[in-house]
Full PDB file with SEQRES, HELIX, SHEET, SSBOND, CRYST1, ORIGX, SCALE, CONECT and MASTER records, all heavy atoms in Angstrom:
SEQRES   1 A   40  MET PHE PRO GLN HIS ASN TYR PRO LEU PRO ILE PHE GLY          
SEQRES   2 A   40  VAL ASP LEU VAL GLY SER GLN LYS GLY ILE GLY ALA ALA          
SEQRES   3 A   40  ILE VAL ASP LEU SER PRO ILE ASN GLY GLN HIS THR LEU          
SEQRES   4 A   40  SER                                                          
SHEET    1 AA1 2 ILE A  11  SER A  19  0                                        
SHEET    2 AA1 2 GLY A  22  SER A  31 -1                                        
CRYST1    1.000    1.000    1.000  90.00  90.00  90.00 P 1           1          
ORIGX1      1.000000  0.000000  0.000000        0.00000                         
ORIGX2      0.000000  1.000000  0.000000        0.00000                         
ORIGX3      0.000000  0.000000  1.000000        0.00000                         
SCALE1      1.000000  0.000000  0.000000        0.00000                         
SCALE2      0.000000  1.000000  0.000000        0.00000                         
SCALE3      0.000000  0.000000  1.000000        0.00000                         
ATOM      1  N   MET A   1    -151.752 -76.302 115.358  1.00  0.00           N  
ATOM      2  CA  MET A   1    -151.647 -75.191 114.465  1.00  0.00           C  
ATOM      3  C   MET A   1    -151.713 -75.724 113.036  1.00  0.00           C  
ATOM      4  O   MET A   1    -150.798 -76.350 112.554  1.00  0.00           O  
ATOM      5  CB  MET A   1    -150.334 -74.431 114.672  1.00  0.00           C  
ATOM      6  CG  MET A   1    -150.199 -73.843 116.038  1.00  0.00           C  
ATOM      7  SD  MET A   1    -148.500 -73.170 116.375  1.00  0.00           S  
ATOM      8  CE  MET A   1    -148.429 -71.834 115.186  1.00  0.00           C  
ATOM      9  N   PHE A   2    -152.847 -75.481 112.346  1.00  0.00           N  
ATOM     10  CA  PHE A   2    -153.004 -75.948 110.975  1.00  0.00           C  
ATOM     11  C   PHE A   2    -152.573 -74.865 109.974  1.00  0.00           C  
ATOM     12  O   PHE A   2    -153.193 -73.762 109.947  1.00  0.00           O  
ATOM     13  CB  PHE A   2    -154.487 -76.314 110.716  1.00  0.00           C  
ATOM     14  CG  PHE A   2    -154.934 -77.551 111.394  1.00  0.00           C  
ATOM     15  CD1 PHE A   2    -155.756 -77.474 112.508  1.00  0.00           C  
ATOM     16  CD2 PHE A   2    -154.570 -78.807 110.939  1.00  0.00           C  
ATOM     17  CE1 PHE A   2    -156.179 -78.643 113.148  1.00  0.00           C  
ATOM     18  CE2 PHE A   2    -154.993 -79.974 111.565  1.00  0.00           C  
ATOM     19  CZ  PHE A   2    -155.788 -79.873 112.672  1.00  0.00           C  
ATOM     20  N   PRO A   3    -151.578 -75.110 109.146  1.00  0.00           N  
ATOM     21  CA  PRO A   3    -151.183 -74.105 108.159  1.00  0.00           C  
ATOM     22  C   PRO A   3    -152.255 -73.897 107.088  1.00  0.00           C  
ATOM     23  O   PRO A   3    -153.081 -74.777 106.847  1.00  0.00           O  
ATOM     24  CB  PRO A   3    -149.913 -74.695 107.545  1.00  0.00           C  
ATOM     25  CG  PRO A   3    -149.449 -75.733 108.510  1.00  0.00           C  
ATOM     26  CD  PRO A   3    -150.689 -76.269 109.133  1.00  0.00           C  
ATOM     27  N   GLN A   4    -152.233 -72.744 106.457  1.00  0.00           N  
ATOM     28  CA  GLN A   4    -153.062 -72.527 105.270  1.00  0.00           C  
ATOM     29  C   GLN A   4    -152.611 -73.514 104.199  1.00  0.00           C  
ATOM     30  O   GLN A   4    -151.490 -73.990 104.170  1.00  0.00           O  
ATOM     31  CB  GLN A   4    -152.872 -71.100 104.749  1.00  0.00           C  
ATOM     32  CG  GLN A   4    -153.361 -70.022 105.701  1.00  0.00           C  
ATOM     33  CD  GLN A   4    -154.858 -69.847 105.705  1.00  0.00           C  
ATOM     34  OE1 GLN A   4    -155.607 -70.653 105.136  1.00  0.00           O  
ATOM     35  NE2 GLN A   4    -155.357 -68.839 106.435  1.00  0.00           N  
ATOM     36  N   HIS A   5    -153.555 -73.826 103.263  1.00  0.00           N  
ATOM     37  CA  HIS A   5    -153.315 -74.873 102.293  1.00  0.00           C  
ATOM     38  C   HIS A   5    -152.199 -74.544 101.325  1.00  0.00           C  
ATOM     39  O   HIS A   5    -151.684 -75.438 100.615  1.00  0.00           O  
ATOM     40  CB  HIS A   5    -154.593 -75.160 101.515  1.00  0.00           C  
ATOM     41  CG  HIS A   5    -154.966 -74.055 100.597  1.00  0.00           C  
ATOM     42  ND1 HIS A   5    -155.819 -73.019 101.004  1.00  0.00           N  
ATOM     43  CD2 HIS A   5    -154.636 -73.750  99.315  1.00  0.00           C  
ATOM     44  CE1 HIS A   5    -155.975 -72.168 100.008  1.00  0.00           C  
ATOM     45  NE2 HIS A   5    -155.283 -72.586  98.987  1.00  0.00           N  
ATOM     46  N   ASN A   6    -151.761 -73.287 101.278  1.00  0.00           N  
ATOM     47  CA  ASN A   6    -150.726 -72.917 100.311  1.00  0.00           C  
ATOM     48  C   ASN A   6    -149.374 -72.581 100.990  1.00  0.00           C  
ATOM     49  O   ASN A   6    -148.527 -71.960 100.379  1.00  0.00           O  
ATOM     50  CB  ASN A   6    -151.147 -71.710  99.473  1.00  0.00           C  
ATOM     51  CG  ASN A   6    -151.554 -70.509 100.323  1.00  0.00           C  
ATOM     52  OD1 ASN A   6    -151.893 -70.638 101.485  1.00  0.00           O  
ATOM     53  ND2 ASN A   6    -151.525 -69.338  99.704  1.00  0.00           N  
ATOM     54  N   TYR A   7    -149.210 -73.048 102.236  1.00  0.00           N  
ATOM     55  CA  TYR A   7    -147.939 -72.866 102.921  1.00  0.00           C  
ATOM     56  C   TYR A   7    -147.375 -74.259 103.305  1.00  0.00           C  
ATOM     57  O   TYR A   7    -148.059 -75.010 104.049  1.00  0.00           O  
ATOM     58  CB  TYR A   7    -148.075 -72.006 104.151  1.00  0.00           C  
ATOM     59  CG  TYR A   7    -148.156 -70.534 103.800  1.00  0.00           C  
ATOM     60  CD1 TYR A   7    -149.373 -69.914 103.546  1.00  0.00           C  
ATOM     61  CD2 TYR A   7    -146.977 -69.775 103.674  1.00  0.00           C  
ATOM     62  CE1 TYR A   7    -149.429 -68.567 103.186  1.00  0.00           C  
ATOM     63  CE2 TYR A   7    -147.044 -68.419 103.308  1.00  0.00           C  
ATOM     64  CZ  TYR A   7    -148.267 -67.832 103.072  1.00  0.00           C  
ATOM     65  OH  TYR A   7    -148.310 -66.515 102.699  1.00  0.00           O  
ATOM     66  N   PRO A   8    -146.166 -74.584 102.876  1.00  0.00           N  
ATOM     67  CA  PRO A   8    -145.593 -75.906 103.096  1.00  0.00           C  
ATOM     68  C   PRO A   8    -144.985 -76.027 104.477  1.00  0.00           C  
ATOM     69  O   PRO A   8    -143.766 -76.211 104.656  1.00  0.00           O  
ATOM     70  CB  PRO A   8    -144.535 -76.014 101.986  1.00  0.00           C  
ATOM     71  CG  PRO A   8    -144.070 -74.602 101.811  1.00  0.00           C  
ATOM     72  CD  PRO A   8    -145.293 -73.732 102.003  1.00  0.00           C  
ATOM     73  N   LEU A   9    -145.799 -75.946 105.479  1.00  0.00           N  
ATOM     74  CA  LEU A   9    -145.376 -75.987 106.881  1.00  0.00           C  
ATOM     75  C   LEU A   9    -145.859 -77.269 107.549  1.00  0.00           C  
ATOM     76  O   LEU A   9    -146.946 -77.763 107.215  1.00  0.00           O  
ATOM     77  CB  LEU A   9    -145.907 -74.782 107.654  1.00  0.00           C  
ATOM     78  CG  LEU A   9    -145.346 -73.402 107.239  1.00  0.00           C  
ATOM     79  CD1 LEU A   9    -146.199 -72.308 107.812  1.00  0.00           C  
ATOM     80  CD2 LEU A   9    -143.907 -73.264 107.717  1.00  0.00           C  
ATOM     81  N   PRO A  10    -145.103 -77.806 108.507  1.00  0.00           N  
ATOM     82  CA  PRO A  10    -145.597 -78.955 109.288  1.00  0.00           C  
ATOM     83  C   PRO A  10    -146.712 -78.527 110.223  1.00  0.00           C  
ATOM     84  O   PRO A  10    -147.025 -77.321 110.321  1.00  0.00           O  
ATOM     85  CB  PRO A  10    -144.356 -79.401 110.032  1.00  0.00           C  
ATOM     86  CG  PRO A  10    -143.514 -78.176 110.202  1.00  0.00           C  
ATOM     87  CD  PRO A  10    -143.754 -77.365 108.942  1.00  0.00           C  
ATOM     88  N   ILE A  11    -147.297 -79.471 110.874  1.00  0.00           N  
ATOM     89  CA  ILE A  11    -148.364 -79.217 111.835  1.00  0.00           C  
ATOM     90  C   ILE A  11    -147.831 -79.309 113.235  1.00  0.00           C  
ATOM     91  O   ILE A  11    -147.396 -80.377 113.677  1.00  0.00           O  
ATOM     92  CB  ILE A  11    -149.544 -80.213 111.620  1.00  0.00           C  
ATOM     93  CG1 ILE A  11    -150.162 -80.005 110.240  1.00  0.00           C  
ATOM     94  CG2 ILE A  11    -150.626 -79.990 112.685  1.00  0.00           C  
ATOM     95  CD1 ILE A  11    -151.254 -81.019 109.888  1.00  0.00           C  
ATOM     96  N   PHE A  12    -147.839 -78.194 113.947  1.00  0.00           N  
ATOM     97  CA  PHE A  12    -147.452 -78.221 115.357  1.00  0.00           C  
ATOM     98  C   PHE A  12    -148.586 -78.750 116.179  1.00  0.00           C  
ATOM     99  O   PHE A  12    -149.728 -78.311 116.019  1.00  0.00           O  
ATOM    100  CB  PHE A  12    -147.069 -76.813 115.805  1.00  0.00           C  
ATOM    101  CG  PHE A  12    -146.838 -76.693 117.312  1.00  0.00           C  
ATOM    102  CD1 PHE A  12    -145.608 -76.983 117.858  1.00  0.00           C  
ATOM    103  CD2 PHE A  12    -147.893 -76.356 118.155  1.00  0.00           C  
ATOM    104  CE1 PHE A  12    -145.422 -76.912 119.218  1.00  0.00           C  
ATOM    105  CE2 PHE A  12    -147.717 -76.237 119.519  1.00  0.00           C  
ATOM    106  CZ  PHE A  12    -146.447 -76.535 120.073  1.00  0.00           C  
ATOM    107  N   GLY A  13    -148.264 -79.647 117.097  1.00  0.00           N  
ATOM    108  CA  GLY A  13    -149.276 -80.148 118.022  1.00  0.00           C  
ATOM    109  C   GLY A  13    -148.686 -80.466 119.395  1.00  0.00           C  
ATOM    110  O   GLY A  13    -147.528 -80.925 119.458  1.00  0.00           O  
ATOM    111  N   VAL A  14    -149.426 -80.213 120.415  1.00  0.00           N  
ATOM    112  CA  VAL A  14    -149.022 -80.578 121.780  1.00  0.00           C  
ATOM    113  C   VAL A  14    -150.233 -80.961 122.588  1.00  0.00           C  
ATOM    114  O   VAL A  14    -151.316 -80.365 122.437  1.00  0.00           O  
ATOM    115  CB  VAL A  14    -148.268 -79.387 122.453  1.00  0.00           C  
ATOM    116  CG1 VAL A  14    -149.125 -78.158 122.575  1.00  0.00           C  
ATOM    117  CG2 VAL A  14    -147.768 -79.820 123.860  1.00  0.00           C  
ATOM    118  N   ASP A  15    -150.096 -82.005 123.399  1.00  0.00           N  
ATOM    119  CA  ASP A  15    -151.194 -82.487 124.246  1.00  0.00           C  
ATOM    120  C   ASP A  15    -150.645 -82.821 125.627  1.00  0.00           C  
ATOM    121  O   ASP A  15    -149.537 -83.352 125.803  1.00  0.00           O  
ATOM    122  CB  ASP A  15    -151.832 -83.721 123.667  1.00  0.00           C  
ATOM    123  CG  ASP A  15    -152.643 -83.444 122.416  1.00  0.00           C  
ATOM    124  OD1 ASP A  15    -153.845 -83.127 122.579  1.00  0.00           O  
ATOM    125  OD2 ASP A  15    -152.111 -83.543 121.309  1.00  0.00           O  
ATOM    126  N   LEU A  16    -151.470 -82.507 126.640  1.00  0.00           N  
ATOM    127  CA  LEU A  16    -151.234 -82.932 128.000  1.00  0.00           C  
ATOM    128  C   LEU A  16    -152.496 -83.605 128.527  1.00  0.00           C  
ATOM    129  O   LEU A  16    -153.602 -83.119 128.278  1.00  0.00           O  
ATOM    130  CB  LEU A  16    -150.922 -81.726 128.917  1.00  0.00           C  
ATOM    131  CG  LEU A  16    -149.663 -80.942 128.726  1.00  0.00           C  
ATOM    132  CD1 LEU A  16    -149.660 -79.765 129.705  1.00  0.00           C  
ATOM    133  CD2 LEU A  16    -148.433 -81.810 128.954  1.00  0.00           C  
ATOM    134  N   VAL A  17    -152.318 -84.710 129.222  1.00  0.00           N  
ATOM    135  CA  VAL A  17    -153.416 -85.391 129.894  1.00  0.00           C  
ATOM    136  C   VAL A  17    -152.991 -85.696 131.298  1.00  0.00           C  
ATOM    137  O   VAL A  17    -151.967 -86.369 131.517  1.00  0.00           O  
ATOM    138  CB  VAL A  17    -153.828 -86.704 129.170  1.00  0.00           C  
ATOM    139  CG1 VAL A  17    -154.993 -87.354 129.917  1.00  0.00           C  
ATOM    140  CG2 VAL A  17    -154.207 -86.422 127.723  1.00  0.00           C  
ATOM    141  N   GLY A  18    -153.746 -85.185 132.286  1.00  0.00           N  
ATOM    142  CA  GLY A  18    -153.339 -85.382 133.688  1.00  0.00           C  
ATOM    143  C   GLY A  18    -154.519 -85.839 134.526  1.00  0.00           C  
ATOM    144  O   GLY A  18    -155.654 -85.533 134.260  1.00  0.00           O  
ATOM    145  N   SER A  19    -154.193 -86.583 135.568  1.00  0.00           N  
ATOM    146  CA  SER A  19    -155.188 -87.057 136.544  1.00  0.00           C  
ATOM    147  C   SER A  19    -154.675 -86.673 137.942  1.00  0.00           C  
ATOM    148  O   SER A  19    -153.689 -85.963 138.079  1.00  0.00           O  
ATOM    149  CB  SER A  19    -155.336 -88.556 136.441  1.00  0.00           C  
ATOM    150  OG  SER A  19    -154.169 -89.234 136.857  1.00  0.00           O  
ATOM    151  N   GLN A  20    -155.388 -87.159 138.962  1.00  0.00           N  
ATOM    152  CA  GLN A  20    -154.960 -86.888 140.326  1.00  0.00           C  
ATOM    153  C   GLN A  20    -153.605 -87.513 140.623  1.00  0.00           C  
ATOM    154  O   GLN A  20    -152.914 -87.093 141.544  1.00  0.00           O  
ATOM    155  CB  GLN A  20    -156.032 -87.405 141.305  1.00  0.00           C  
ATOM    156  CG  GLN A  20    -157.342 -86.624 141.223  1.00  0.00           C  
ATOM    157  CD  GLN A  20    -158.419 -87.178 142.126  1.00  0.00           C  
ATOM    158  OE1 GLN A  20    -158.551 -88.428 142.243  1.00  0.00           O  
ATOM    159  NE2 GLN A  20    -159.169 -86.357 142.777  1.00  0.00           N  
ATOM    160  N   LYS A  21    -153.227 -88.512 139.844  1.00  0.00           N  
ATOM    161  CA  LYS A  21    -151.955 -89.175 140.046  1.00  0.00           C  
ATOM    162  C   LYS A  21    -150.783 -88.437 139.359  1.00  0.00           C  
ATOM    163  O   LYS A  21    -149.612 -88.779 139.548  1.00  0.00           O  
ATOM    164  CB  LYS A  21    -151.996 -90.600 139.500  1.00  0.00           C  
ATOM    165  CG  LYS A  21    -152.982 -91.498 140.233  1.00  0.00           C  
ATOM    166  CD  LYS A  21    -153.012 -92.886 139.627  1.00  0.00           C  
ATOM    167  CE  LYS A  21    -154.000 -93.784 140.338  1.00  0.00           C  
ATOM    168  NZ  LYS A  21    -154.024 -95.155 139.744  1.00  0.00           N  
ATOM    169  N   GLY A  22    -151.118 -87.409 138.574  1.00  0.00           N  
ATOM    170  CA  GLY A  22    -150.073 -86.680 137.849  1.00  0.00           C  
ATOM    171  C   GLY A  22    -150.356 -86.702 136.359  1.00  0.00           C  
ATOM    172  O   GLY A  22    -151.421 -87.134 135.899  1.00  0.00           O  
ATOM    173  N   ILE A  23    -149.398 -86.246 135.562  1.00  0.00           N  
ATOM    174  CA  ILE A  23    -149.561 -86.163 134.132  1.00  0.00           C  
ATOM    175  C   ILE A  23    -149.212 -87.540 133.535  1.00  0.00           C  
ATOM    176  O   ILE A  23    -148.045 -87.981 133.663  1.00  0.00           O  
ATOM    177  CB  ILE A  23    -148.722 -85.051 133.528  1.00  0.00           C  
ATOM    178  CG1 ILE A  23    -149.202 -83.681 134.077  1.00  0.00           C  
ATOM    179  CG2 ILE A  23    -148.731 -85.088 132.002  1.00  0.00           C  
ATOM    180  CD1 ILE A  23    -148.382 -82.528 133.635  1.00  0.00           C  
ATOM    181  N   GLY A  24    -150.161 -88.141 132.879  1.00  0.00           N  
ATOM    182  CA  GLY A  24    -149.933 -89.467 132.320  1.00  0.00           C  
ATOM    183  C   GLY A  24    -149.443 -89.451 130.882  1.00  0.00           C  
ATOM    184  O   GLY A  24    -148.845 -90.424 130.435  1.00  0.00           O  
ATOM    185  N   ALA A  25    -149.654 -88.343 130.203  1.00  0.00           N  
ATOM    186  CA  ALA A  25    -149.220 -88.271 128.798  1.00  0.00           C  
ATOM    187  C   ALA A  25    -148.924 -86.840 128.466  1.00  0.00           C  
ATOM    188  O   ALA A  25    -149.676 -85.916 128.744  1.00  0.00           O  
ATOM    189  CB  ALA A  25    -150.285 -88.806 127.864  1.00  0.00           C  
ATOM    190  N   ALA A  26    -147.731 -86.626 127.835  1.00  0.00           N  
ATOM    191  CA  ALA A  26    -147.321 -85.330 127.334  1.00  0.00           C  
ATOM    192  C   ALA A  26    -146.638 -85.562 125.983  1.00  0.00           C  
ATOM    193  O   ALA A  26    -145.683 -86.307 125.893  1.00  0.00           O  
ATOM    194  CB  ALA A  26    -146.344 -84.657 128.326  1.00  0.00           C  
ATOM    195  N   ILE A  27    -147.143 -84.916 124.947  1.00  0.00           N  
ATOM    196  CA  ILE A  27    -146.614 -85.134 123.637  1.00  0.00           C  
ATOM    197  C   ILE A  27    -146.491 -83.801 122.886  1.00  0.00           C  
ATOM    198  O   ILE A  27    -147.360 -82.940 123.035  1.00  0.00           O  
ATOM    199  CB  ILE A  27    -147.471 -86.129 122.801  1.00  0.00           C  
ATOM    200  CG1 ILE A  27    -146.866 -86.425 121.455  1.00  0.00           C  
ATOM    201  CG2 ILE A  27    -148.922 -85.616 122.686  1.00  0.00           C  
ATOM    202  CD1 ILE A  27    -147.557 -87.571 120.711  1.00  0.00           C  
ATOM    203  N   VAL A  28    -145.415 -83.654 122.157  1.00  0.00           N  
ATOM    204  CA  VAL A  28    -145.249 -82.473 121.301  1.00  0.00           C  
ATOM    205  C   VAL A  28    -144.540 -82.923 119.998  1.00  0.00           C  
ATOM    206  O   VAL A  28    -143.675 -83.810 120.033  1.00  0.00           O  
ATOM    207  CB  VAL A  28    -144.428 -81.369 121.988  1.00  0.00           C  
ATOM    208  CG1 VAL A  28    -143.014 -81.810 122.319  1.00  0.00           C  
ATOM    209  CG2 VAL A  28    -144.388 -80.092 121.124  1.00  0.00           C  
ATOM    210  N   ASP A  29    -144.950 -82.298 118.904  1.00  0.00           N  
ATOM    211  CA  ASP A  29    -144.324 -82.674 117.629  1.00  0.00           C  
ATOM    212  C   ASP A  29    -144.539 -81.581 116.610  1.00  0.00           C  
ATOM    213  O   ASP A  29    -145.428 -80.714 116.742  1.00  0.00           O  
ATOM    214  CB  ASP A  29    -144.887 -83.983 117.100  1.00  0.00           C  
ATOM    215  CG  ASP A  29    -144.084 -84.527 115.910  1.00  0.00           C  
ATOM    216  OD1 ASP A  29    -142.862 -84.391 115.955  1.00  0.00           O  
ATOM    217  OD2 ASP A  29    -144.683 -85.081 114.980  1.00  0.00           O  
ATOM    218  N   LEU A  30    -143.714 -81.613 115.571  1.00  0.00           N  
ATOM    219  CA  LEU A  30    -143.925 -80.893 114.317  1.00  0.00           C  
ATOM    220  C   LEU A  30    -144.073 -81.941 113.271  1.00  0.00           C  
ATOM    221  O   LEU A  30    -143.102 -82.494 112.781  1.00  0.00           O  
ATOM    222  CB  LEU A  30    -142.726 -79.940 114.068  1.00  0.00           C  
ATOM    223  CG  LEU A  30    -142.662 -78.721 114.970  1.00  0.00           C  
ATOM    224  CD1 LEU A  30    -141.278 -78.148 115.060  1.00  0.00           C  
ATOM    225  CD2 LEU A  30    -143.665 -77.674 114.478  1.00  0.00           C  
ATOM    226  N   SER A  31    -145.308 -82.219 112.864  1.00  0.00           N  
ATOM    227  CA  SER A  31    -145.607 -83.371 112.023  1.00  0.00           C  
ATOM    228  C   SER A  31    -145.487 -82.979 110.546  1.00  0.00           C  
ATOM    229  O   SER A  31    -146.193 -82.063 110.077  1.00  0.00           O  
ATOM    230  CB  SER A  31    -146.999 -83.903 112.310  1.00  0.00           C  
ATOM    231  OG  SER A  31    -147.111 -84.304 113.647  1.00  0.00           O  
ATOM    232  N   PRO A  32    -144.645 -83.678 109.762  1.00  0.00           N  
ATOM    233  CA  PRO A  32    -144.485 -83.356 108.355  1.00  0.00           C  
ATOM    234  C   PRO A  32    -145.762 -83.643 107.577  1.00  0.00           C  
ATOM    235  O   PRO A  32    -146.461 -84.638 107.894  1.00  0.00           O  
ATOM    236  CB  PRO A  32    -143.353 -84.260 107.926  1.00  0.00           C  
ATOM    237  CG  PRO A  32    -142.699 -84.752 109.139  1.00  0.00           C  
ATOM    238  CD  PRO A  32    -143.752 -84.794 110.200  1.00  0.00           C  
ATOM    239  N   ILE A  33    -146.021 -82.870 106.561  1.00  0.00           N  
ATOM    240  CA  ILE A  33    -147.185 -83.160 105.707  1.00  0.00           C  
ATOM    241  C   ILE A  33    -146.805 -83.298 104.238  1.00  0.00           C  
ATOM    242  O   ILE A  33    -147.687 -83.397 103.386  1.00  0.00           O  
ATOM    243  CB  ILE A  33    -148.298 -82.075 105.885  1.00  0.00           C  
ATOM    244  CG1 ILE A  33    -147.741 -80.649 105.759  1.00  0.00           C  
ATOM    245  CG2 ILE A  33    -148.933 -82.199 107.268  1.00  0.00           C  
ATOM    246  CD1 ILE A  33    -147.611 -80.120 104.373  1.00  0.00           C  
ATOM    247  N   ASN A  34    -145.486 -83.325 103.954  1.00  0.00           N  
ATOM    248  CA  ASN A  34    -145.084 -83.516 102.549  1.00  0.00           C  
ATOM    249  C   ASN A  34    -145.069 -84.992 102.193  1.00  0.00           C  
ATOM    250  O   ASN A  34    -145.162 -85.883 103.073  1.00  0.00           O  
ATOM    251  CB  ASN A  34    -143.725 -82.864 102.284  1.00  0.00           C  
ATOM    252  CG  ASN A  34    -142.616 -83.399 103.184  1.00  0.00           C  
ATOM    253  OD1 ASN A  34    -142.639 -84.541 103.597  1.00  0.00           O  
ATOM    254  ND2 ASN A  34    -141.655 -82.530 103.504  1.00  0.00           N  
ATOM    255  N   GLY A  35    -144.925 -85.276 100.914  1.00  0.00           N  
ATOM    256  CA  GLY A  35    -144.939 -86.653 100.445  1.00  0.00           C  
ATOM    257  C   GLY A  35    -143.824 -87.495 100.967  1.00  0.00           C  
ATOM    258  O   GLY A  35    -143.973 -88.747 101.085  1.00  0.00           O  
ATOM    259  N   GLN A  36    -142.710 -86.933 101.283  1.00  0.00           N  
ATOM    260  CA  GLN A  36    -141.547 -87.659 101.807  1.00  0.00           C  
ATOM    261  C   GLN A  36    -141.644 -87.895 103.315  1.00  0.00           C  
ATOM    262  O   GLN A  36    -140.848 -88.601 103.883  1.00  0.00           O  
ATOM    263  CB  GLN A  36    -140.248 -86.926 101.486  1.00  0.00           C  
ATOM    264  CG  GLN A  36    -139.962 -86.756 100.025  1.00  0.00           C  
ATOM    265  CD  GLN A  36    -140.817 -85.681  99.384  1.00  0.00           C  
ATOM    266  OE1 GLN A  36    -141.071 -84.620  99.973  1.00  0.00           O  
ATOM    267  NE2 GLN A  36    -141.267 -85.944  98.149  1.00  0.00           N  
ATOM    268  N   HIS A  37    -142.620 -87.246 103.914  1.00  0.00           N  
ATOM    269  CA  HIS A  37    -142.808 -87.308 105.359  1.00  0.00           C  
ATOM    270  C   HIS A  37    -141.538 -86.929 106.117  1.00  0.00           C  
ATOM    271  O   HIS A  37    -141.100 -87.641 107.045  1.00  0.00           O  
ATOM    272  CB  HIS A  37    -143.328 -88.685 105.814  1.00  0.00           C  
ATOM    273  CG  HIS A  37    -143.938 -88.654 107.195  1.00  0.00           C  
ATOM    274  ND1 HIS A  37    -145.140 -88.046 107.452  1.00  0.00           N  
ATOM    275  CD2 HIS A  37    -143.491 -89.139 108.401  1.00  0.00           C  
ATOM    276  CE1 HIS A  37    -145.422 -88.164 108.738  1.00  0.00           C  
ATOM    277  NE2 HIS A  37    -144.438 -88.817 109.324  1.00  0.00           N  
ATOM    278  N   THR A  38    -140.936 -85.828 105.722  1.00  0.00           N  
ATOM    279  CA  THR A  38    -139.747 -85.335 106.365  1.00  0.00           C  
ATOM    280  C   THR A  38    -139.905 -83.843 106.584  1.00  0.00           C  
ATOM    281  O   THR A  38    -140.569 -83.139 105.863  1.00  0.00           O  
ATOM    282  CB  THR A  38    -138.502 -85.586 105.509  1.00  0.00           C  
ATOM    283  OG1 THR A  38    -138.709 -84.941 104.211  1.00  0.00           O  
ATOM    284  CG2 THR A  38    -138.244 -87.059 105.306  1.00  0.00           C  
ATOM    285  N   LEU A  39    -139.239 -83.385 107.652  1.00  0.00           N  
ATOM    286  CA  LEU A  39    -139.194 -81.973 107.906  1.00  0.00           C  
ATOM    287  C   LEU A  39    -138.083 -81.317 107.057  1.00  0.00           C  
ATOM    288  O   LEU A  39    -137.113 -81.978 106.684  1.00  0.00           O  
ATOM    289  CB  LEU A  39    -138.877 -81.702 109.397  1.00  0.00           C  
ATOM    290  CG  LEU A  39    -139.997 -82.109 110.384  1.00  0.00           C  
ATOM    291  CD1 LEU A  39    -139.454 -82.006 111.814  1.00  0.00           C  
ATOM    292  CD2 LEU A  39    -141.241 -81.226 110.206  1.00  0.00           C  
ATOM    293  N   SER A  40    -138.266 -80.072 106.745  1.00  0.00           N  
ATOM    294  CA  SER A  40    -137.259 -79.376 105.969  1.00  0.00           C  
ATOM    295  C   SER A  40    -135.961 -79.240 106.771  1.00  0.00           C  
ATOM    296  O   SER A  40    -135.966 -79.377 108.011  1.00  0.00           O  
ATOM    297  CB  SER A  40    -137.781 -77.973 105.575  1.00  0.00           C  
ATOM    298  OG  SER A  40    -137.903 -77.157 106.737  1.00  0.00           O  
TER     299      SER A  40                                                      
MASTER        0    0    0    0    2    0    0    6  298    1    0    4          
END                                                                             
């Protein structure tokens, strides 16, 4: 989820990668985009 350029929101992202053996990778985050690299 990419915020509009004038809204100070982090970037939500989630990924799943699975094979016949099961899910090998699952990741979720709210990634900060401010200069301090911190969430509000």
